[in-house]
């Protein structure tokens, strides 16, 4: 970015990406003439503040579930044009990237069921899982979303790679884990909790035994980090 504005601008980083920082710490130095520096100042700070905010917010969730065994995931709810940047920031905060787009994972949702809409939900899901694997020419994971635990066992028996437990409360998530383990032991589909997860309740969700917790707020609601650019003459 700096070179596109003026080739005389040079950035010297003082910390590596993903490194914890403290108030008043100097993150880096830009060396060069002041006019192009002021031209790029606001755009540069917008990127650094927003992405540092994503990484910081992600780290708070990761720390909150430490030692639980649950992994914190992002979602595709990203700022238009910023997806790869925001997902990089999630990784720098200790989170794990979920699907980047529709090309690297199949998620069978309620809208897909609404289109097919036979009477028996289990048969519908099993058929869609089989069809997805038959139509895909390369190995990518197939996930199924479920909102009602009554359908969980039928969905698990269709053997997707993972099941997304949508907007379930912790007691229901815990019951889902019990049912999965009863059917498959340690070799069942991964269970992912999503919807309504906050810093206040993420630990409770993690302690249900769920494998993964996906949180859209990591990218769409992370507070920006207060970072400024101060000019010093040399």
C-alpha atoms as a PDB file:
ATOM      1  CA  UNK A   1       0.000   0.000   0.000  1.00  0.00           C
ATOM      2  CA  UNK A   2       2.765   2.446   0.935  1.00  0.00           C
ATOM      3  CA  UNK A   3       4.677   1.908  -2.304  1.00  0.00           C
ATOM      4  CA  UNK A   4       1.561   2.578  -4.355  1.00  0.00           C
ATOM      5  CA  UNK A   5       1.241   5.979  -2.741  1.00  0.00           C
ATOM      6  CA  UNK A   6       4.893   6.931  -2.798  1.00  0.00           C
ATOM      7  CA  UNK A   7       7.937   4.740  -3.295  1.00  0.00           C
ATOM      8  CA  UNK A   8       9.833   6.789  -0.740  1.00  0.00           C
ATOM      9  CA  UNK A   9       7.668   5.560   2.122  1.00  0.00           C
ATOM     10  CA  UNK A  10       9.136   2.662   4.086  1.00  0.00           C
ATOM     11  CA  UNK A  11       7.519   0.700   6.910  1.00  0.00           C
ATOM     12  CA  UNK A  12       9.613  -0.711   9.747  1.00  0.00           C
ATOM     13  CA  UNK A  13       7.569  -3.114  11.960  1.00  0.00           C
ATOM     14  CA  UNK A  14       8.388  -3.273  15.664  1.00  0.00           C
ATOM     15  CA  UNK A  15       6.107  -6.248  16.495  1.00  0.00           C
ATOM     16  CA  UNK A  16       5.066  -9.352  14.597  1.00  0.00           C
ATOM     17  CA  UNK A  17       1.452 -10.069  13.648  1.00  0.00           C
ATOM     18  CA  UNK A  18      -0.378 -11.877  16.427  1.00  0.00           C
ATOM     19  CA  UNK A  19       1.850 -10.501  19.190  1.00  0.00           C
ATOM     20  CA  UNK A  20       0.049  -9.199  22.318  1.00  0.00           C
ATOM     21  CA  UNK A  21       0.578  -5.458  22.764  1.00  0.00           C
ATOM     22  CA  UNK A  22       0.017  -2.914  25.526  1.00  0.00           C
ATOM     23  CA  UNK A  23      -1.155   0.682  25.758  1.00  0.00           C
ATOM     24  CA  UNK A  24       1.273   3.278  24.355  1.00  0.00           C
ATOM     25  CA  UNK A  25       3.388   0.604  22.669  1.00  0.00           C
ATOM     26  CA  UNK A  26       4.990   1.580  19.355  1.00  0.00           C
ATOM     27  CA  UNK A  27       3.891  -0.932  16.710  1.00  0.00           C
ATOM     28  CA  UNK A  28       6.111   0.300  13.906  1.00  0.00           C
ATOM     29  CA  UNK A  29       7.569   3.276  12.116  1.00  0.00           C
ATOM     30  CA  UNK A  30       6.918   4.726   8.664  1.00  0.00           C
ATOM     31  CA  UNK A  31       9.857   6.629   7.242  1.00  0.00           C
ATOM     32  CA  UNK A  32       9.442   9.060   4.379  1.00  0.00           C
ATOM     33  CA  UNK A  33       8.162  12.486   3.273  1.00  0.00           C
ATOM     34  CA  UNK A  34       5.232  13.900   5.225  1.00  0.00           C
ATOM     35  CA  UNK A  35       2.852  14.785   2.359  1.00  0.00           C
ATOM     36  CA  UNK A  36       2.266  11.220   1.064  1.00  0.00           C
ATOM     37  CA  UNK A  37       2.247   9.983   4.651  1.00  0.00           C
ATOM     38  CA  UNK A  38      -0.660  12.278   5.509  1.00  0.00           C
ATOM     39  CA  UNK A  39      -2.381  11.214   2.287  1.00  0.00           C
ATOM     40  CA  UNK A  40      -2.418   7.587   3.378  1.00  0.00           C
ATOM     41  CA  UNK A  41      -2.829   8.121   7.128  1.00  0.00           C
ATOM     42  CA  UNK A  42      -6.581   7.611   7.518  1.00  0.00           C
ATOM     43  CA  UNK A  43      -6.866   4.657   5.136  1.00  0.00           C
ATOM     44  CA  UNK A  44      -3.898   2.980   6.786  1.00  0.00           C
ATOM     45  CA  UNK A  45      -5.321   3.466  10.289  1.00  0.00           C
ATOM     46  CA  UNK A  46      -8.741   2.206   9.212  1.00  0.00           C
ATOM     47  CA  UNK A  47      -7.180  -1.111   8.172  1.00  0.00           C
ATOM     48  CA  UNK A  48      -4.858  -1.453  11.160  1.00  0.00           C
ATOM     49  CA  UNK A  49      -7.481  -0.489  13.752  1.00  0.00           C
ATOM     50  CA  UNK A  50     -10.222  -2.706  12.346  1.00  0.00           C
ATOM     51  CA  UNK A  51      -8.077  -5.789  11.781  1.00  0.00           C
ATOM     52  CA  UNK A  52      -6.313  -5.433  15.123  1.00  0.00           C
ATOM     53  CA  UNK A  53      -9.778  -5.217  16.669  1.00  0.00           C
ATOM     54  CA  UNK A  54     -10.782  -8.498  15.026  1.00  0.00           C
ATOM     55  CA  UNK A  55      -7.630 -10.219  16.283  1.00  0.00           C
ATOM     56  CA  UNK A  56      -8.073  -8.814  19.794  1.00  0.00           C
ATOM     57  CA  UNK A  57     -11.749  -9.796  19.984  1.00  0.00           C
ATOM     58  CA  UNK A  58     -10.938 -13.277  18.724  1.00  0.00           C
ATOM     59  CA  UNK A  59      -8.237 -13.674  21.362  1.00  0.00           C
ATOM     60  CA  UNK A  60     -10.767 -12.869  24.095  1.00  0.00           C
ATOM     61  CA  UNK A  61     -12.985 -15.748  22.941  1.00  0.00           C
ATOM     62  CA  UNK A  62     -10.025 -18.105  22.562  1.00  0.00           C
ATOM     63  CA  UNK A  63      -8.818 -17.294  26.077  1.00  0.00           C
ATOM     64  CA  UNK A  64     -12.341 -17.734  27.442  1.00  0.00           C
ATOM     65  CA  UNK A  65     -12.523 -21.365  26.256  1.00  0.00           C
ATOM     66  CA  UNK A  66      -8.914 -22.292  27.060  1.00  0.00           C
ATOM     67  CA  UNK A  67      -8.464 -25.938  28.155  1.00  0.00           C
ATOM     68  CA  UNK A  68     -12.058 -26.833  27.222  1.00  0.00           C
ATOM     69  CA  UNK A  69     -11.110 -28.551  23.973  1.00  0.00           C
ATOM     70  CA  UNK A  70     -13.452 -26.352  21.918  1.00  0.00           C
ATOM     71  CA  UNK A  71     -12.115 -24.474  18.904  1.00  0.00           C
ATOM     72  CA  UNK A  72     -13.236 -20.932  18.058  1.00  0.00           C
ATOM     73  CA  UNK A  73     -14.219 -20.454  14.406  1.00  0.00           C
ATOM     74  CA  UNK A  74     -15.162 -17.451  12.318  1.00  0.00           C
ATOM     75  CA  UNK A  75     -17.930 -17.403   9.683  1.00  0.00           C
ATOM     76  CA  UNK A  76     -18.521 -15.944   6.216  1.00  0.00           C
ATOM     77  CA  UNK A  77     -20.117 -12.843   7.802  1.00  0.00           C
ATOM     78  CA  UNK A  78     -17.287 -10.578   6.737  1.00  0.00           C
ATOM     79  CA  UNK A  79     -16.973  -7.029   5.415  1.00  0.00           C
ATOM     80  CA  UNK A  80     -17.295  -6.951   1.595  1.00  0.00           C
ATOM     81  CA  UNK A  81     -13.807  -6.918   0.110  1.00  0.00           C
ATOM     82  CA  UNK A  82     -12.178  -7.654   3.468  1.00  0.00           C
ATOM     83  CA  UNK A  83     -12.831 -11.398   3.829  1.00  0.00           C
ATOM     84  CA  UNK A  84      -9.246 -12.628   3.465  1.00  0.00           C
ATOM     85  CA  UNK A  85      -7.921  -9.810   5.642  1.00  0.00           C
ATOM     86  CA  UNK A  86     -10.452 -10.414   8.409  1.00  0.00           C
ATOM     87  CA  UNK A  87      -9.918 -14.152   8.331  1.00  0.00           C
ATOM     88  CA  UNK A  88      -6.179 -13.563   8.599  1.00  0.00           C
ATOM     89  CA  UNK A  89      -6.848 -11.356  11.626  1.00  0.00           C
ATOM     90  CA  UNK A  90      -8.918 -14.164  13.190  1.00  0.00           C
ATOM     91  CA  UNK A  91      -5.966 -16.523  12.811  1.00  0.00           C
ATOM     92  CA  UNK A  92      -3.660 -13.961  14.380  1.00  0.00           C
ATOM     93  CA  UNK A  93      -6.025 -13.877  17.360  1.00  0.00           C
ATOM     94  CA  UNK A  94      -5.782 -17.648  17.786  1.00  0.00           C
ATOM     95  CA  UNK A  95      -9.048 -18.544  16.047  1.00  0.00           C
ATOM     96  CA  UNK A  96      -9.584 -20.957  13.166  1.00  0.00           C
ATOM     97  CA  UNK A  97     -11.046 -20.090   9.785  1.00  0.00           C
ATOM     98  CA  UNK A  98     -14.298 -21.732   8.789  1.00  0.00           C
ATOM     99  CA  UNK A  99     -15.300 -21.824   5.138  1.00  0.00           C
ATOM    100  CA  UNK A 100     -13.917 -18.993   3.043  1.00  0.00           C
ATOM    101  CA  UNK A 101     -16.695 -19.394   0.484  1.00  0.00           C
ATOM    102  CA  UNK A 102     -19.133 -21.892  -0.982  1.00  0.00           C
ATOM    103  CA  UNK A 103     -16.286 -23.640  -2.812  1.00  0.00           C
ATOM    104  CA  UNK A 104     -14.467 -25.136   0.174  1.00  0.00           C
ATOM    105  CA  UNK A 105     -17.279 -26.707   2.170  1.00  0.00           C
ATOM    106  CA  UNK A 106     -20.905 -27.778   1.733  1.00  0.00           C
ATOM    107  CA  UNK A 107     -23.377 -26.681   4.408  1.00  0.00           C
ATOM    108  CA  UNK A 108     -26.866 -28.126   4.052  1.00  0.00           C
ATOM    109  CA  UNK A 109     -29.206 -25.608   5.684  1.00  0.00           C
ATOM    110  CA  UNK A 110     -32.915 -25.210   6.318  1.00  0.00           C
ATOM    111  CA  UNK A 111     -33.377 -23.445   2.970  1.00  0.00           C
ATOM    112  CA  UNK A 112     -32.081 -26.515   1.150  1.00  0.00           C
ATOM    113  CA  UNK A 113     -34.577 -28.640   3.030  1.00  0.00           C
ATOM    114  CA  UNK A 114     -37.340 -26.183   2.176  1.00  0.00           C
ATOM    115  CA  UNK A 115     -36.581 -26.659  -1.514  1.00  0.00           C
ATOM    116  CA  UNK A 116     -36.570 -30.463  -1.311  1.00  0.00           C
ATOM    117  CA  UNK A 117     -39.205 -30.697   1.467  1.00  0.00           C
ATOM    118  CA  UNK A 118     -40.175 -34.396   1.630  1.00  0.00           C
ATOM    119  CA  UNK A 119     -42.056 -35.474   4.716  1.00  0.00           C
ATOM    120  CA  UNK A 120     -39.223 -37.370   6.378  1.00  0.00           C
ATOM    121  CA  UNK A 121     -36.397 -35.067   7.406  1.00  0.00           C
ATOM    122  CA  UNK A 122     -33.887 -37.852   8.029  1.00  0.00           C
ATOM    123  CA  UNK A 123     -34.302 -39.267   4.536  1.00  0.00           C
ATOM    124  CA  UNK A 124     -34.013 -35.777   3.105  1.00  0.00           C
ATOM    125  CA  UNK A 125     -30.724 -35.104   4.848  1.00  0.00           C
ATOM    126  CA  UNK A 126     -29.244 -38.501   4.054  1.00  0.00           C
ATOM    127  CA  UNK A 127     -30.142 -38.030   0.405  1.00  0.00           C
ATOM    128  CA  UNK A 128     -28.659 -34.548   0.292  1.00  0.00           C
ATOM    129  CA  UNK A 129     -25.439 -35.696   1.948  1.00  0.00           C
ATOM    130  CA  UNK A 130     -25.083 -38.560  -0.543  1.00  0.00           C
ATOM    131  CA  UNK A 131     -25.882 -36.257  -3.441  1.00  0.00           C
ATOM    132  CA  UNK A 132     -23.368 -33.654  -2.298  1.00  0.00           C
ATOM    133  CA  UNK A 133     -20.598 -36.226  -2.098  1.00  0.00           C
ATOM    134  CA  UNK A 134     -21.501 -37.689  -5.482  1.00  0.00           C
ATOM    135  CA  UNK A 135     -21.575 -34.315  -7.224  1.00  0.00           C
ATOM    136  CA  UNK A 136     -18.347 -32.951  -5.754  1.00  0.00           C
ATOM    137  CA  UNK A 137     -15.271 -33.955  -7.703  1.00  0.00           C
ATOM    138  CA  UNK A 138     -12.832 -33.367  -4.854  1.00  0.00           C
ATOM    139  CA  UNK A 139     -12.843 -34.021  -1.153  1.00  0.00           C
ATOM    140  CA  UNK A 140     -14.375 -31.150   0.761  1.00  0.00           C
ATOM    141  CA  UNK A 141     -16.330 -31.459   4.013  1.00  0.00           C
ATOM    142  CA  UNK A 142     -20.109 -31.756   4.086  1.00  0.00           C
ATOM    143  CA  UNK A 143     -21.903 -30.219   7.080  1.00  0.00           C
ATOM    144  CA  UNK A 144     -25.574 -30.257   8.022  1.00  0.00           C
ATOM    145  CA  UNK A 145     -27.387 -27.597  10.042  1.00  0.00           C
ATOM    146  CA  UNK A 146     -29.972 -28.691  12.599  1.00  0.00           C
ATOM    147  CA  UNK A 147     -32.260 -26.517  14.709  1.00  0.00           C
ATOM    148  CA  UNK A 148     -34.275 -29.219  16.499  1.00  0.00           C
ATOM    149  CA  UNK A 149     -32.590 -31.970  18.468  1.00  0.00           C
ATOM    150  CA  UNK A 150     -35.397 -34.390  17.541  1.00  0.00           C
ATOM    151  CA  UNK A 151     -33.806 -34.724  14.101  1.00  0.00           C
ATOM    152  CA  UNK A 152     -30.217 -34.994  15.337  1.00  0.00           C
ATOM    153  CA  UNK A 153     -29.784 -38.770  15.383  1.00  0.00           C
ATOM    154  CA  UNK A 154     -31.163 -39.201  11.881  1.00  0.00           C
ATOM    155  CA  UNK A 155     -28.820 -36.492  10.664  1.00  0.00           C
ATOM    156  CA  UNK A 156     -25.849 -38.046  12.467  1.00  0.00           C
ATOM    157  CA  UNK A 157     -26.604 -41.405  10.856  1.00  0.00           C
ATOM    158  CA  UNK A 158     -26.341 -39.770   7.428  1.00  0.00           C
ATOM    159  CA  UNK A 159     -22.641 -39.418   8.352  1.00  0.00           C
ATOM    160  CA  UNK A 160     -21.841 -35.819   7.429  1.00  0.00           C
ATOM    161  CA  UNK A 161     -18.408 -34.521   8.364  1.00  0.00           C
ATOM    162  CA  UNK A 162     -19.994 -32.212  10.901  1.00  0.00           C
ATOM    163  CA  UNK A 163     -23.305 -31.013  12.313  1.00  0.00           C
ATOM    164  CA  UNK A 164     -24.032 -27.344  12.996  1.00  0.00           C
ATOM    165  CA  UNK A 165     -26.208 -26.938  16.101  1.00  0.00           C
ATOM    166  CA  UNK A 166     -27.992 -23.705  15.271  1.00  0.00           C
ATOM    167  CA  UNK A 167     -29.144 -21.440  18.124  1.00  0.00           C
ATOM    168  CA  UNK A 168     -29.274 -24.220  20.678  1.00  0.00           C
ATOM    169  CA  UNK A 169     -28.964 -23.449  24.381  1.00  0.00           C
ATOM    170  CA  UNK A 170     -26.159 -25.136  26.379  1.00  0.00           C
ATOM    171  CA  UNK A 171     -28.364 -27.877  27.899  1.00  0.00           C
ATOM    172  CA  UNK A 172     -29.514 -28.881  24.418  1.00  0.00           C
ATOM    173  CA  UNK A 173     -25.963 -28.756  23.067  1.00  0.00           C
ATOM    174  CA  UNK A 174     -24.851 -31.026  25.920  1.00  0.00           C
ATOM    175  CA  UNK A 175     -27.639 -33.457  25.047  1.00  0.00           C
ATOM    176  CA  UNK A 176     -26.519 -33.397  21.406  1.00  0.00           C
ATOM    177  CA  UNK A 177     -22.982 -34.321  22.476  1.00  0.00           C
ATOM    178  CA  UNK A 178     -24.317 -37.203  24.587  1.00  0.00           C
ATOM    179  CA  UNK A 179     -26.391 -38.536  21.687  1.00  0.00           C
ATOM    180  CA  UNK A 180     -23.482 -38.269  19.257  1.00  0.00           C
ATOM    181  CA  UNK A 181     -21.119 -40.070  21.609  1.00  0.00           C
ATOM    182  CA  UNK A 182     -23.682 -42.784  22.321  1.00  0.00           C
ATOM    183  CA  UNK A 183     -23.959 -43.507  18.590  1.00  0.00           C
ATOM    184  CA  UNK A 184     -20.314 -43.211  17.566  1.00  0.00           C
ATOM    185  CA  UNK A 185     -18.065 -43.091  20.608  1.00  0.00           C
ATOM    186  CA  UNK A 186     -14.990 -41.024  19.774  1.00  0.00           C
ATOM    187  CA  UNK A 187     -15.427 -41.320  16.010  1.00  0.00           C
ATOM    188  CA  UNK A 188     -18.607 -39.349  15.314  1.00  0.00           C
ATOM    189  CA  UNK A 189     -19.179 -36.222  13.219  1.00  0.00           C
ATOM    190  CA  UNK A 190     -17.844 -32.991  14.711  1.00  0.00           C
ATOM    191  CA  UNK A 191     -20.456 -30.906  16.501  1.00  0.00           C
ATOM    192  CA  UNK A 192     -20.410 -27.142  16.074  1.00  0.00           C
ATOM    193  CA  UNK A 193     -22.399 -24.658  18.141  1.00  0.00           C
ATOM    194  CA  UNK A 194     -23.444 -21.429  16.478  1.00  0.00           C
ATOM    195  CA  UNK A 195     -25.804 -18.558  17.182  1.00  0.00           C
ATOM    196  CA  UNK A 196     -26.175 -16.353  20.221  1.00  0.00           C
ATOM    197  CA  UNK A 197     -22.635 -16.960  21.476  1.00  0.00           C
ATOM    198  CA  UNK A 198     -21.095 -14.083  23.433  1.00  0.00           C
ATOM    199  CA  UNK A 199     -18.114 -13.596  25.708  1.00  0.00           C
ATOM    200  CA  UNK A 200     -20.513 -13.942  28.626  1.00  0.00           C
ATOM    201  CA  UNK A 201     -21.678 -17.438  27.683  1.00  0.00           C
ATOM    202  CA  UNK A 202     -18.953 -18.918  25.443  1.00  0.00           C
ATOM    203  CA  UNK A 203     -17.317 -20.798  28.315  1.00  0.00           C
ATOM    204  CA  UNK A 204     -20.633 -22.398  29.232  1.00  0.00           C
ATOM    205  CA  UNK A 205     -21.093 -23.434  25.604  1.00  0.00           C
ATOM    206  CA  UNK A 206     -17.564 -24.844  25.441  1.00  0.00           C
ATOM    207  CA  UNK A 207     -18.069 -26.913  28.582  1.00  0.00           C
ATOM    208  CA  UNK A 208     -20.933 -28.839  26.960  1.00  0.00           C
ATOM    209  CA  UNK A 209     -18.276 -30.891  25.146  1.00  0.00           C
ATOM    210  CA  UNK A 210     -19.007 -29.412  21.726  1.00  0.00           C
ATOM    211  CA  UNK A 211     -16.039 -29.540  19.345  1.00  0.00           C
ATOM    212  CA  UNK A 212     -16.312 -26.175  17.653  1.00  0.00           C
ATOM    213  CA  UNK A 213     -17.963 -22.821  18.276  1.00  0.00           C
ATOM    214  CA  UNK A 214     -18.507 -20.488  15.320  1.00  0.00           C
ATOM    215  CA  UNK A 215     -19.033 -16.790  15.997  1.00  0.00           C
ATOM    216  CA  UNK A 216     -19.994 -14.268  13.313  1.00  0.00           C
ATOM    217  CA  UNK A 217     -19.337 -11.376  15.688  1.00  0.00           C
ATOM    218  CA  UNK A 218     -15.583 -11.986  15.427  1.00  0.00           C
ATOM    219  CA  UNK A 219     -15.651 -10.193  12.100  1.00  0.00           C
ATOM    220  CA  UNK A 220     -18.912  -8.242  11.921  1.00  0.00           C
ATOM    221  CA  UNK A 221     -18.959  -6.762  15.429  1.00  0.00           C
ATOM    222  CA  UNK A 222     -15.384  -6.565  16.716  1.00  0.00           C
ATOM    223  CA  UNK A 223     -14.602  -3.186  18.354  1.00  0.00           C
ATOM    224  CA  UNK A 224     -11.744  -1.365  16.646  1.00  0.00           C
ATOM    225  CA  UNK A 225      -8.451  -1.007  18.475  1.00  0.00           C
ATOM    226  CA  UNK A 226      -7.397   2.532  19.362  1.00  0.00           C
ATOM    227  CA  UNK A 227      -4.257   3.045  17.273  1.00  0.00           C
ATOM    228  CA  UNK A 228      -2.896   6.406  16.156  1.00  0.00           C
ATOM    229  CA  UNK A 229      -0.132   7.723  13.946  1.00  0.00           C
ATOM    230  CA  UNK A 230       2.132  10.365  15.444  1.00  0.00           C
ATOM    231  CA  UNK A 231       4.571  12.336  13.285  1.00  0.00           C
ATOM    232  CA  UNK A 232       8.117  12.885  14.505  1.00  0.00           C
ATOM    233  CA  UNK A 233      10.634  14.973  12.553  1.00  0.00           C
ATOM    234  CA  UNK A 234      14.120  13.541  12.164  1.00  0.00           C
END
